[in-house]
Amino acid sequence: IPKTGEVFDWFATAWVLLTVVFYWLSTQRTTIETAGLVDGAAVADGQWWRLFTGTFLHADLAHLSANTALGFILLGLALGRYGTGVGLLAALLAGVGGNVLSSLVHGRSFHGLGASGVVMGALGLIAVQSVARTGKHPQALKLLLGGLAAGVMLFVLLGVAPGTDVIAHFGGFLTGVFLALI
């Protein structure tokens, strides 16, 4: 956390708990999932908030477990680097970026949910986090490219799996990288 020397922000636990609460609520009332999932036709018709709400919904317990386990680690590192508020906002916006890209690619028939765009956004945020620290370092470009290459390798390892929305994952990762560069 900036100015404290900590590299992991345990506030990521609150994100996990919030995501679990939303999953539990959606199992109790199916109308929550219907009203909050990313529906390409509804988004195209002006229901833009679905790009946000879809990041808190999950299809089943395995989907929730995968996103919260990996998300806890990556989000905790991103929050530790950028600060709790900025890191959380950037990761959420990266998740929205993933949903936007997936909606654009798949069109009005798209239906999606899950926090994987947020998780891949956190990976993108930490992949290029060395930009601000390199400054006039003689090997600044090498450090930046090394971090980005490691991030891309982790993205391929974690974000490209059969049966997942690879487009949303890629959009989240790219948005995270873009926001980190800003």
N, C-alpha and C. Protein backbone atom coordinates (compact mmCIF):
# COMPACT_ATOMS: atom_id res chain seq x y z
N ILE A 1 0.86 -1.16 0.00
CA ILE A 1 0.00 0.00 0.00
C ILE A 1 0.91 1.22 0.00
N PRO A 2 0.66 2.17 -0.91
CA PRO A 2 1.56 3.32 -0.99
C PRO A 2 1.84 3.95 0.38
N LYS A 3 3.11 4.28 0.59
CA LYS A 3 3.61 4.95 1.79
C LYS A 3 3.64 4.06 3.03
N THR A 4 3.23 2.79 2.93
CA THR A 4 3.29 1.90 4.09
C THR A 4 4.29 0.77 3.88
N GLY A 5 4.65 0.49 2.63
CA GLY A 5 5.58 -0.60 2.35
C GLY A 5 4.89 -1.94 2.15
N GLU A 6 3.58 -2.00 2.38
CA GLU A 6 2.85 -3.25 2.20
C GLU A 6 2.65 -3.53 0.71
N VAL A 7 2.73 -4.78 0.31
CA VAL A 7 2.53 -5.13 -1.09
C VAL A 7 1.21 -5.85 -1.34
N PHE A 8 0.49 -6.18 -0.28
CA PHE A 8 -0.79 -6.87 -0.42
C PHE A 8 -1.81 -6.13 0.43
N ASP A 9 -2.95 -5.83 -0.17
CA ASP A 9 -4.02 -5.13 0.55
C ASP A 9 -5.10 -6.14 0.90
N TRP A 10 -5.28 -6.36 2.18
CA TRP A 10 -6.24 -7.35 2.66
C TRP A 10 -7.68 -6.92 2.46
N PHE A 11 -7.90 -5.72 1.95
CA PHE A 11 -9.26 -5.30 1.62
C PHE A 11 -9.84 -6.19 0.53
N ALA A 12 -8.99 -6.90 -0.18
CA ALA A 12 -9.46 -7.85 -1.18
C ALA A 12 -10.41 -8.87 -0.55
N THR A 13 -10.25 -9.11 0.74
CA THR A 13 -11.16 -10.01 1.45
C THR A 13 -12.58 -9.46 1.42
N ALA A 14 -12.73 -8.15 1.55
CA ALA A 14 -14.07 -7.55 1.51
C ALA A 14 -14.70 -7.74 0.13
N TRP A 15 -13.90 -7.64 -0.93
CA TRP A 15 -14.41 -7.89 -2.29
C TRP A 15 -14.89 -9.33 -2.42
N VAL A 16 -14.10 -10.26 -1.89
CA VAL A 16 -14.50 -11.68 -1.94
C VAL A 16 -15.82 -11.86 -1.20
N LEU A 17 -15.93 -11.30 0.00
CA LEU A 17 -17.16 -11.45 0.79
C LEU A 17 -18.36 -10.83 0.07
N LEU A 18 -18.18 -9.67 -0.52
CA LEU A 18 -19.27 -9.02 -1.26
C LEU A 18 -19.70 -9.88 -2.45
N THR A 19 -18.74 -10.45 -3.15
CA THR A 19 -19.04 -11.31 -4.29
C THR A 19 -19.78 -12.56 -3.85
N VAL A 20 -19.38 -13.13 -2.72
CA VAL A 20 -20.07 -14.31 -2.17
C VAL A 20 -21.48 -13.95 -1.75
N VAL A 21 -21.68 -12.79 -1.14
CA VAL A 21 -23.02 -12.36 -0.74
C VAL A 21 -23.92 -12.20 -1.96
N PHE A 22 -23.40 -11.59 -3.02
CA PHE A 22 -24.20 -11.45 -4.24
C PHE A 22 -24.55 -12.81 -4.84
N TYR A 23 -23.60 -13.75 -4.78
CA TYR A 23 -23.89 -15.10 -5.29
C TYR A 23 -25.01 -15.73 -4.46
N TRP A 24 -24.88 -15.65 -3.15
CA TRP A 24 -25.90 -16.23 -2.27
C TRP A 24 -27.27 -15.59 -2.52
N LEU A 25 -27.30 -14.26 -2.63
CA LEU A 25 -28.57 -13.59 -2.91
C LEU A 25 -29.17 -14.04 -4.23
N SER A 26 -28.32 -14.23 -5.24
CA SER A 26 -28.84 -14.63 -6.55
C SER A 26 -29.35 -16.07 -6.53
N THR A 27 -28.84 -16.90 -5.61
CA THR A 27 -29.39 -18.25 -5.49
C THR A 27 -30.73 -18.24 -4.77
N GLN A 28 -30.95 -17.24 -3.94
CA GLN A 28 -32.22 -17.13 -3.21
C GLN A 28 -33.33 -16.52 -4.06
N ARG A 29 -32.95 -15.61 -4.92
CA ARG A 29 -33.91 -14.92 -5.81
C ARG A 29 -33.34 -14.89 -7.22
N THR A 30 -33.89 -15.70 -8.07
CA THR A 30 -33.38 -15.79 -9.44
C THR A 30 -33.59 -14.50 -10.22
N THR A 31 -34.47 -13.64 -9.76
CA THR A 31 -34.69 -12.37 -10.46
C THR A 31 -33.46 -11.47 -10.39
N ILE A 32 -32.61 -11.67 -9.39
CA ILE A 32 -31.39 -10.88 -9.27
C ILE A 32 -30.47 -11.16 -10.45
N GLU A 33 -30.28 -12.45 -10.78
CA GLU A 33 -29.42 -12.79 -11.91
C GLU A 33 -30.02 -12.28 -13.22
N THR A 34 -31.32 -12.46 -13.38
CA THR A 34 -31.99 -12.01 -14.61
C THR A 34 -31.87 -10.50 -14.78
N ALA A 35 -32.01 -9.77 -13.69
CA ALA A 35 -31.95 -8.31 -13.76
C ALA A 35 -30.53 -7.77 -13.89
N GLY A 36 -29.52 -8.57 -13.46
CA GLY A 36 -28.17 -8.04 -13.41
C GLY A 36 -27.18 -8.58 -14.41
N LEU A 37 -27.51 -9.70 -15.07
CA LEU A 37 -26.52 -10.25 -16.00
C LEU A 37 -26.33 -9.34 -17.21
N VAL A 38 -25.18 -9.48 -17.86
CA VAL A 38 -24.89 -8.66 -19.03
C VAL A 38 -25.66 -9.27 -20.20
N ASP A 39 -26.70 -8.58 -20.62
CA ASP A 39 -27.55 -9.00 -21.73
C ASP A 39 -27.26 -8.03 -22.87
N GLY A 40 -26.68 -8.55 -23.96
CA GLY A 40 -26.28 -7.69 -25.07
C GLY A 40 -27.40 -6.84 -25.61
N ALA A 41 -28.60 -7.40 -25.73
CA ALA A 41 -29.74 -6.64 -26.26
C ALA A 41 -30.14 -5.54 -25.28
N ALA A 42 -30.18 -5.86 -23.98
CA ALA A 42 -30.56 -4.86 -22.98
C ALA A 42 -29.53 -3.74 -22.91
N VAL A 43 -28.26 -4.09 -23.00
CA VAL A 43 -27.20 -3.07 -22.98
C VAL A 43 -27.33 -2.17 -24.21
N ALA A 44 -27.56 -2.79 -25.37
CA ALA A 44 -27.72 -2.00 -26.59
C ALA A 44 -28.93 -1.09 -26.52
N ASP A 45 -29.93 -1.49 -25.74
CA ASP A 45 -31.14 -0.68 -25.58
C ASP A 45 -31.04 0.34 -24.45
N GLY A 46 -29.84 0.50 -23.87
CA GLY A 46 -29.63 1.55 -22.89
C GLY A 46 -29.43 1.11 -21.45
N GLN A 47 -29.48 -0.19 -21.16
CA GLN A 47 -29.29 -0.65 -19.78
C GLN A 47 -27.80 -0.87 -19.51
N TRP A 48 -27.05 0.23 -19.52
CA TRP A 48 -25.60 0.21 -19.39
C TRP A 48 -25.12 -0.33 -18.05
N TRP A 49 -25.93 -0.21 -17.01
CA TRP A 49 -25.52 -0.63 -15.67
C TRP A 49 -25.25 -2.14 -15.61
N ARG A 50 -25.81 -2.89 -16.54
CA ARG A 50 -25.58 -4.34 -16.57
C ARG A 50 -24.11 -4.67 -16.79
N LEU A 51 -23.38 -3.76 -17.41
CA LEU A 51 -21.94 -3.95 -17.60
C LEU A 51 -21.22 -4.00 -16.25
N PHE A 52 -21.78 -3.32 -15.26
CA PHE A 52 -21.22 -3.32 -13.90
C PHE A 52 -21.78 -4.46 -13.07
N THR A 53 -23.11 -4.60 -13.06
CA THR A 53 -23.75 -5.58 -12.18
C THR A 53 -23.35 -7.01 -12.53
N GLY A 54 -23.09 -7.26 -13.81
CA GLY A 54 -22.70 -8.60 -14.23
C GLY A 54 -21.40 -9.08 -13.61
N THR A 55 -20.55 -8.15 -13.16
CA THR A 55 -19.27 -8.54 -12.56
C THR A 55 -19.44 -9.12 -11.16
N PHE A 56 -20.62 -8.99 -10.57
CA PHE A 56 -20.85 -9.52 -9.22
C PHE A 56 -21.67 -10.80 -9.21
N LEU A 57 -22.08 -11.28 -10.39
CA LEU A 57 -22.92 -12.47 -10.48
C LEU A 57 -22.11 -13.64 -11.02
N HIS A 58 -22.48 -14.85 -10.60
CA HIS A 58 -21.77 -16.06 -11.04
C HIS A 58 -22.76 -17.17 -11.34
N ALA A 59 -22.39 -18.01 -12.31
CA ALA A 59 -23.29 -19.07 -12.78
C ALA A 59 -23.47 -20.19 -11.76
N ASP A 60 -22.39 -20.56 -11.07
CA ASP A 60 -22.46 -21.65 -10.10
C ASP A 60 -21.32 -21.52 -9.10
N LEU A 61 -21.27 -22.46 -8.17
CA LEU A 61 -20.28 -22.40 -7.11
C LEU A 61 -18.84 -22.55 -7.63
N ALA A 62 -18.64 -23.38 -8.65
CA ALA A 62 -17.30 -23.55 -9.22
C ALA A 62 -16.82 -22.25 -9.87
N HIS A 63 -17.73 -21.57 -10.58
CA HIS A 63 -17.42 -20.28 -11.21
C HIS A 63 -17.05 -19.25 -10.15
N LEU A 64 -17.84 -19.19 -9.09
CA LEU A 64 -17.58 -18.27 -7.98
C LEU A 64 -16.23 -18.58 -7.33
N SER A 65 -15.98 -19.86 -7.07
CA SER A 65 -14.74 -20.26 -6.39
C SER A 65 -13.51 -19.90 -7.20
N ALA A 66 -13.55 -20.16 -8.49
CA ALA A 66 -12.39 -19.85 -9.34
C ALA A 66 -12.12 -18.35 -9.35
N ASN A 67 -13.17 -17.55 -9.52
CA ASN A 67 -12.97 -16.09 -9.58
C ASN A 67 -12.54 -15.50 -8.25
N THR A 68 -13.12 -15.97 -7.15
CA THR A 68 -12.75 -15.38 -5.86
C THR A 68 -11.37 -15.83 -5.39
N ALA A 69 -10.99 -17.06 -5.66
CA ALA A 69 -9.67 -17.54 -5.24
C ALA A 69 -8.56 -16.79 -5.97
N LEU A 70 -8.67 -16.75 -7.29
CA LEU A 70 -7.67 -16.04 -8.08
C LEU A 70 -7.80 -14.52 -7.89
N GLY A 71 -9.03 -14.05 -7.81
CA GLY A 71 -9.27 -12.62 -7.65
C GLY A 71 -8.73 -12.09 -6.33
N PHE A 72 -8.84 -12.89 -5.27
CA PHE A 72 -8.32 -12.46 -3.98
C PHE A 72 -6.84 -12.14 -4.07
N ILE A 73 -6.08 -13.02 -4.71
CA ILE A 73 -4.63 -12.82 -4.81
C ILE A 73 -4.29 -11.64 -5.73
N LEU A 74 -4.84 -11.66 -6.95
CA LEU A 74 -4.50 -10.61 -7.91
C LEU A 74 -5.03 -9.25 -7.50
N LEU A 75 -6.25 -9.22 -7.00
CA LEU A 75 -6.81 -7.94 -6.56
C LEU A 75 -6.06 -7.41 -5.34
N GLY A 76 -5.71 -8.30 -4.42
CA GLY A 76 -4.93 -7.87 -3.25
C GLY A 76 -3.60 -7.24 -3.64
N LEU A 77 -2.95 -7.81 -4.66
CA LEU A 77 -1.69 -7.24 -5.14
C LEU A 77 -1.92 -5.91 -5.85
N ALA A 78 -2.98 -5.84 -6.67
CA ALA A 78 -3.28 -4.58 -7.37
C ALA A 78 -3.64 -3.48 -6.38
N LEU A 79 -4.44 -3.81 -5.37
CA LEU A 79 -4.81 -2.81 -4.37
C LEU A 79 -3.58 -2.39 -3.57
N GLY A 80 -2.68 -3.34 -3.31
CA GLY A 80 -1.45 -3.02 -2.60
C GLY A 80 -0.56 -2.07 -3.39
N ARG A 81 -0.63 -2.15 -4.70
CA ARG A 81 0.20 -1.28 -5.54
C ARG A 81 -0.42 0.09 -5.76
N TYR A 82 -1.72 0.12 -6.03
CA TYR A 82 -2.37 1.37 -6.43
C TYR A 82 -3.17 2.03 -5.31
N GLY A 83 -3.34 1.36 -4.20
CA GLY A 83 -4.18 1.87 -3.13
C GLY A 83 -5.57 1.24 -3.22
N THR A 84 -6.26 1.18 -2.12
CA THR A 84 -7.53 0.47 -2.07
C THR A 84 -8.56 1.05 -3.02
N GLY A 85 -8.81 2.33 -2.93
CA GLY A 85 -9.86 2.95 -3.75
C GLY A 85 -9.55 2.96 -5.23
N VAL A 86 -8.37 3.44 -5.58
CA VAL A 86 -7.98 3.53 -6.99
C VAL A 86 -7.88 2.13 -7.60
N GLY A 87 -7.26 1.21 -6.89
CA GLY A 87 -7.11 -0.15 -7.40
C GLY A 87 -8.44 -0.84 -7.61
N LEU A 88 -9.35 -0.69 -6.64
CA LEU A 88 -10.66 -1.31 -6.75
C LEU A 88 -11.46 -0.72 -7.90
N LEU A 89 -11.42 0.60 -8.03
CA LEU A 89 -12.13 1.25 -9.14
C LEU A 89 -11.54 0.82 -10.48
N ALA A 90 -10.22 0.79 -10.58
CA ALA A 90 -9.58 0.39 -11.84
C ALA A 90 -9.91 -1.05 -12.20
N ALA A 91 -9.90 -1.94 -11.22
CA ALA A 91 -10.22 -3.35 -11.50
C ALA A 91 -11.68 -3.49 -11.92
N LEU A 92 -12.59 -2.78 -11.25
CA LEU A 92 -14.01 -2.83 -11.64
C LEU A 92 -14.20 -2.28 -13.05
N LEU A 93 -13.55 -1.17 -13.37
CA LEU A 93 -13.65 -0.60 -14.72
C LEU A 93 -13.05 -1.55 -15.76
N ALA A 94 -12.01 -2.28 -15.37
CA ALA A 94 -11.44 -3.27 -16.28
C ALA A 94 -12.45 -4.39 -16.54
N GLY A 95 -13.17 -4.80 -15.50
CA GLY A 95 -14.22 -5.80 -15.69
C GLY A 95 -15.30 -5.30 -16.62
N VAL A 96 -15.66 -4.03 -16.48
CA VAL A 96 -16.63 -3.41 -17.38
C VAL A 96 -16.07 -3.38 -18.80
N GLY A 97 -14.79 -3.06 -18.93
CA GLY A 97 -14.15 -3.06 -20.25
C GLY A 97 -14.23 -4.43 -20.90
N GLY A 98 -14.05 -5.48 -20.12
CA GLY A 98 -14.19 -6.83 -20.64
C GLY A 98 -15.60 -7.11 -21.11
N ASN A 99 -16.59 -6.66 -20.34
CA ASN A 99 -17.99 -6.85 -20.72
C ASN A 99 -18.35 -6.04 -21.97
N VAL A 100 -17.79 -4.85 -22.09
CA VAL A 100 -18.03 -4.03 -23.28
C VAL A 100 -17.49 -4.74 -24.52
N LEU A 101 -16.24 -5.21 -24.44
CA LEU A 101 -15.64 -5.88 -25.59
C LEU A 101 -16.44 -7.13 -25.96
N SER A 102 -16.82 -7.91 -24.97
CA SER A 102 -17.58 -9.12 -25.24
C SER A 102 -18.94 -8.80 -25.84
N SER A 103 -19.59 -7.75 -25.36
CA SER A 103 -20.87 -7.33 -25.93
C SER A 103 -20.72 -6.86 -27.37
N LEU A 104 -19.64 -6.16 -27.65
CA LEU A 104 -19.40 -5.70 -29.02
C LEU A 104 -19.13 -6.86 -29.97
N VAL A 105 -18.34 -7.81 -29.52
CA VAL A 105 -17.98 -8.95 -30.37
C VAL A 105 -19.18 -9.88 -30.58
N HIS A 106 -19.91 -10.19 -29.51
CA HIS A 106 -21.00 -11.17 -29.59
C HIS A 106 -22.34 -10.55 -29.98
N GLY A 107 -22.49 -9.26 -29.83
CA GLY A 107 -23.71 -8.59 -30.25
C GLY A 107 -24.88 -8.74 -29.29
N ARG A 108 -26.07 -8.54 -29.81
CA ARG A 108 -27.29 -8.52 -29.00
C ARG A 108 -27.60 -9.86 -28.36
N SER A 109 -27.06 -10.94 -28.87
CA SER A 109 -27.37 -12.26 -28.32
C SER A 109 -26.50 -12.60 -27.11
N PHE A 110 -25.56 -11.74 -26.77
CA PHE A 110 -24.61 -12.03 -25.68
C PHE A 110 -25.30 -12.03 -24.31
N HIS A 111 -24.97 -13.03 -23.52
CA HIS A 111 -25.36 -13.10 -22.11
C HIS A 111 -24.12 -13.51 -21.32
N GLY A 112 -23.75 -12.71 -20.35
CA GLY A 112 -22.55 -13.02 -19.58
C GLY A 112 -22.67 -12.56 -18.15
N LEU A 113 -21.87 -13.22 -17.32
CA LEU A 113 -21.78 -12.82 -15.92
C LEU A 113 -20.48 -13.35 -15.35
N GLY A 114 -20.05 -12.77 -14.27
CA GLY A 114 -18.84 -13.21 -13.60
C GLY A 114 -17.83 -12.10 -13.40
N ALA A 115 -16.94 -12.35 -12.45
CA ALA A 115 -15.93 -11.37 -12.08
C ALA A 115 -14.60 -11.61 -12.78
N SER A 116 -14.58 -12.48 -13.77
CA SER A 116 -13.30 -12.80 -14.40
C SER A 116 -12.69 -11.61 -15.13
N GLY A 117 -13.50 -10.72 -15.65
CA GLY A 117 -12.96 -9.50 -16.26
C GLY A 117 -12.27 -8.63 -15.22
N VAL A 118 -12.85 -8.57 -14.02
CA VAL A 118 -12.23 -7.83 -12.91
C VAL A 118 -10.90 -8.48 -12.53
N VAL A 119 -10.91 -9.81 -12.45
CA VAL A 119 -9.71 -10.56 -12.07
C VAL A 119 -8.61 -10.36 -13.12
N MET A 120 -8.96 -10.49 -14.40
CA MET A 120 -7.97 -10.30 -15.45
C MET A 120 -7.55 -8.83 -15.53
N GLY A 121 -8.44 -7.92 -15.17
CA GLY A 121 -8.08 -6.50 -15.09
C GLY A 121 -7.05 -6.26 -14.01
N ALA A 122 -7.21 -6.93 -12.87
CA ALA A 122 -6.21 -6.81 -11.79
C ALA A 122 -4.86 -7.35 -12.26
N LEU A 123 -4.89 -8.43 -13.04
CA LEU A 123 -3.65 -8.95 -13.61
C LEU A 123 -3.01 -7.92 -14.54
N GLY A 124 -3.82 -7.28 -15.38
CA GLY A 124 -3.31 -6.23 -16.25
C GLY A 124 -2.73 -5.06 -15.47
N LEU A 125 -3.37 -4.71 -14.37
CA LEU A 125 -2.87 -3.62 -13.53
C LEU A 125 -1.50 -3.92 -12.96
N ILE A 126 -1.30 -5.15 -12.52
CA ILE A 126 -0.01 -5.46 -11.90
C ILE A 126 1.05 -5.84 -12.94
N ALA A 127 0.62 -6.17 -14.17
CA ALA A 127 1.58 -6.52 -15.22
C ALA A 127 2.45 -5.34 -15.61
N VAL A 128 1.90 -4.14 -15.57
CA VAL A 128 2.67 -2.97 -15.98
C VAL A 128 2.84 -1.98 -14.82
N GLN A 129 2.74 -2.47 -13.62
CA GLN A 129 2.85 -1.58 -12.47
C GLN A 129 4.24 -0.99 -12.29
N SER A 130 5.23 -1.53 -12.97
CA SER A 130 6.59 -1.02 -12.83
C SER A 130 6.81 0.29 -13.58
N VAL A 131 5.86 0.70 -14.41
CA VAL A 131 6.03 1.93 -15.21
C VAL A 131 6.32 3.12 -14.30
N ALA A 132 5.54 3.30 -13.28
CA ALA A 132 5.69 4.47 -12.40
C ALA A 132 6.98 4.40 -11.60
N ARG A 133 7.49 3.21 -11.36
CA ARG A 133 8.67 3.06 -10.51
C ARG A 133 9.98 3.11 -11.28
N THR A 134 9.94 2.93 -12.59
CA THR A 134 11.19 2.87 -13.34
C THR A 134 11.77 4.26 -13.60
N GLY A 135 10.91 5.23 -13.89
CA GLY A 135 11.37 6.59 -14.11
C GLY A 135 12.49 6.66 -15.13
N LYS A 136 13.64 7.12 -14.70
CA LYS A 136 14.79 7.25 -15.60
C LYS A 136 15.76 6.09 -15.42
N HIS A 137 15.25 4.98 -14.95
CA HIS A 137 16.07 3.78 -14.78
C HIS A 137 16.66 3.40 -16.15
N PRO A 138 17.93 3.04 -16.19
CA PRO A 138 18.55 2.75 -17.49
C PRO A 138 17.91 1.58 -18.23
N GLN A 139 17.24 0.71 -17.52
CA GLN A 139 16.60 -0.44 -18.17
C GLN A 139 15.07 -0.37 -18.01
N ALA A 140 14.52 0.83 -18.06
CA ALA A 140 13.08 1.02 -17.84
C ALA A 140 12.25 0.23 -18.85
N LEU A 141 12.63 0.29 -20.11
CA LEU A 141 11.87 -0.42 -21.14
C LEU A 141 11.93 -1.92 -20.92
N LYS A 142 13.10 -2.40 -20.54
CA LYS A 142 13.27 -3.84 -20.28
C LYS A 142 12.38 -4.27 -19.11
N LEU A 143 12.32 -3.48 -18.06
CA LEU A 143 11.47 -3.80 -16.92
C LEU A 143 10.00 -3.79 -17.30
N LEU A 144 9.59 -2.80 -18.08
CA LEU A 144 8.20 -2.71 -18.52
C LEU A 144 7.82 -3.91 -19.38
N LEU A 145 8.66 -4.22 -20.37
CA LEU A 145 8.36 -5.34 -21.27
C LEU A 145 8.41 -6.68 -20.54
N GLY A 146 9.30 -6.81 -19.58
CA GLY A 146 9.38 -8.03 -18.79
C GLY A 146 8.11 -8.24 -17.96
N GLY A 147 7.63 -7.18 -17.34
CA GLY A 147 6.39 -7.27 -16.56
C GLY A 147 5.20 -7.57 -17.45
N LEU A 148 5.15 -6.93 -18.60
CA LEU A 148 4.05 -7.15 -19.54
C LEU A 148 4.09 -8.58 -20.08
N ALA A 149 5.28 -9.08 -20.40
CA ALA A 149 5.40 -10.46 -20.89
C ALA A 149 4.95 -11.45 -19.83
N ALA A 150 5.34 -11.22 -18.59
CA ALA A 150 4.89 -12.10 -17.50
C ALA A 150 3.38 -12.05 -17.35
N GLY A 151 2.81 -10.86 -17.48
CA GLY A 151 1.36 -10.71 -17.39
C GLY A 151 0.65 -11.44 -18.50
N VAL A 152 1.19 -11.34 -19.72
CA VAL A 152 0.58 -12.03 -20.86
C VAL A 152 0.66 -13.55 -20.66
N MET A 153 1.80 -14.03 -20.17
CA MET A 153 1.92 -15.47 -19.93
C MET A 153 0.92 -15.94 -18.88
N LEU A 154 0.77 -15.18 -17.81
CA LEU A 154 -0.23 -15.53 -16.80
C LEU A 154 -1.64 -15.45 -17.36
N PHE A 155 -1.89 -14.47 -18.22
CA PHE A 155 -3.20 -14.37 -18.86
C PHE A 155 -3.49 -15.62 -19.67
N VAL A 156 -2.53 -16.07 -20.47
CA VAL A 156 -2.73 -17.27 -21.28
C VAL A 156 -2.95 -18.49 -20.38
N LEU A 157 -2.19 -18.58 -19.31
CA LEU A 157 -2.32 -19.71 -18.38
C LEU A 157 -3.67 -19.71 -17.66
N LEU A 158 -4.12 -18.53 -17.24
CA LEU A 158 -5.31 -18.44 -16.39
C LEU A 158 -6.59 -18.00 -17.11
N GLY A 159 -6.45 -17.25 -18.19
CA GLY A 159 -7.62 -16.63 -18.80
C GLY A 159 -8.12 -17.25 -20.08
N VAL A 160 -7.39 -18.24 -20.61
CA VAL A 160 -7.79 -18.85 -21.88
C VAL A 160 -8.09 -20.32 -21.60
N ALA A 161 -9.31 -20.59 -21.25
CA ALA A 161 -9.72 -21.96 -20.96
C ALA A 161 -11.00 -22.27 -21.72
N PRO A 162 -11.14 -23.51 -22.14
CA PRO A 162 -12.38 -23.88 -22.85
C PRO A 162 -13.61 -23.61 -21.97
N GLY A 163 -14.64 -23.10 -22.60
CA GLY A 163 -15.89 -22.85 -21.89
C GLY A 163 -15.94 -21.52 -21.16
N THR A 164 -14.90 -20.69 -21.31
CA THR A 164 -14.91 -19.38 -20.65
C THR A 164 -15.07 -18.29 -21.70
N ASP A 165 -15.39 -17.11 -21.25
CA ASP A 165 -15.52 -15.97 -22.16
C ASP A 165 -14.15 -15.32 -22.32
N VAL A 166 -13.36 -15.86 -23.22
CA VAL A 166 -12.00 -15.40 -23.44
C VAL A 166 -11.99 -13.94 -23.88
N ILE A 167 -13.01 -13.52 -24.63
CA ILE A 167 -13.09 -12.12 -25.07
C ILE A 167 -13.22 -11.19 -23.87
N ALA A 168 -14.08 -11.53 -22.92
CA ALA A 168 -14.24 -10.71 -21.71
C ALA A 168 -12.95 -10.72 -20.89
N HIS A 169 -12.30 -11.86 -20.81
CA HIS A 169 -11.02 -11.93 -20.09
C HIS A 169 -9.99 -11.02 -20.75
N PHE A 170 -9.89 -11.12 -22.08
CA PHE A 170 -8.92 -10.32 -22.81
C PHE A 170 -9.24 -8.83 -22.69
N GLY A 171 -10.52 -8.48 -22.79
CA GLY A 171 -10.92 -7.08 -22.63
C GLY A 171 -10.61 -6.55 -21.25
N GLY A 172 -10.83 -7.37 -20.23
CA GLY A 172 -10.49 -6.96 -18.86
C GLY A 172 -9.00 -6.76 -18.69
N PHE A 173 -8.21 -7.69 -19.24
CA PHE A 173 -6.76 -7.58 -19.15
C PHE A 173 -6.25 -6.33 -19.85
N LEU A 174 -6.72 -6.11 -21.09
CA LEU A 174 -6.29 -4.93 -21.85
C LEU A 174 -6.71 -3.63 -21.16
N THR A 175 -7.92 -3.61 -20.63
CA THR A 175 -8.37 -2.41 -19.92
C THR A 175 -7.53 -2.17 -18.68
N GLY A 176 -7.18 -3.25 -17.97
CA GLY A 176 -6.31 -3.11 -16.80
C GLY A 176 -4.95 -2.55 -17.16
N VAL A 177 -4.37 -3.06 -18.26
CA VAL A 177 -3.08 -2.54 -18.73
C VAL A 177 -3.21 -1.07 -19.09
N PHE A 178 -4.25 -0.72 -19.84
CA PHE A 178 -4.47 0.67 -20.25
C PHE A 178 -4.60 1.58 -19.03
N LEU A 179 -5.42 1.18 -18.06
CA LEU A 179 -5.62 2.02 -16.87
C LEU A 179 -4.32 2.13 -16.06
N ALA A 180 -3.53 1.07 -16.01
CA ALA A 180 -2.25 1.14 -15.28
C ALA A 180 -1.29 2.12 -15.96
N LEU A 181 -1.31 2.14 -17.29
CA LEU A 181 -0.43 3.06 -18.01
C LEU A 181 -0.85 4.51 -17.79
N ILE A 182 -2.16 4.73 -17.63
CA ILE A 182 -2.64 6.09 -17.36
C ILE A 182 -2.18 6.51 -15.99
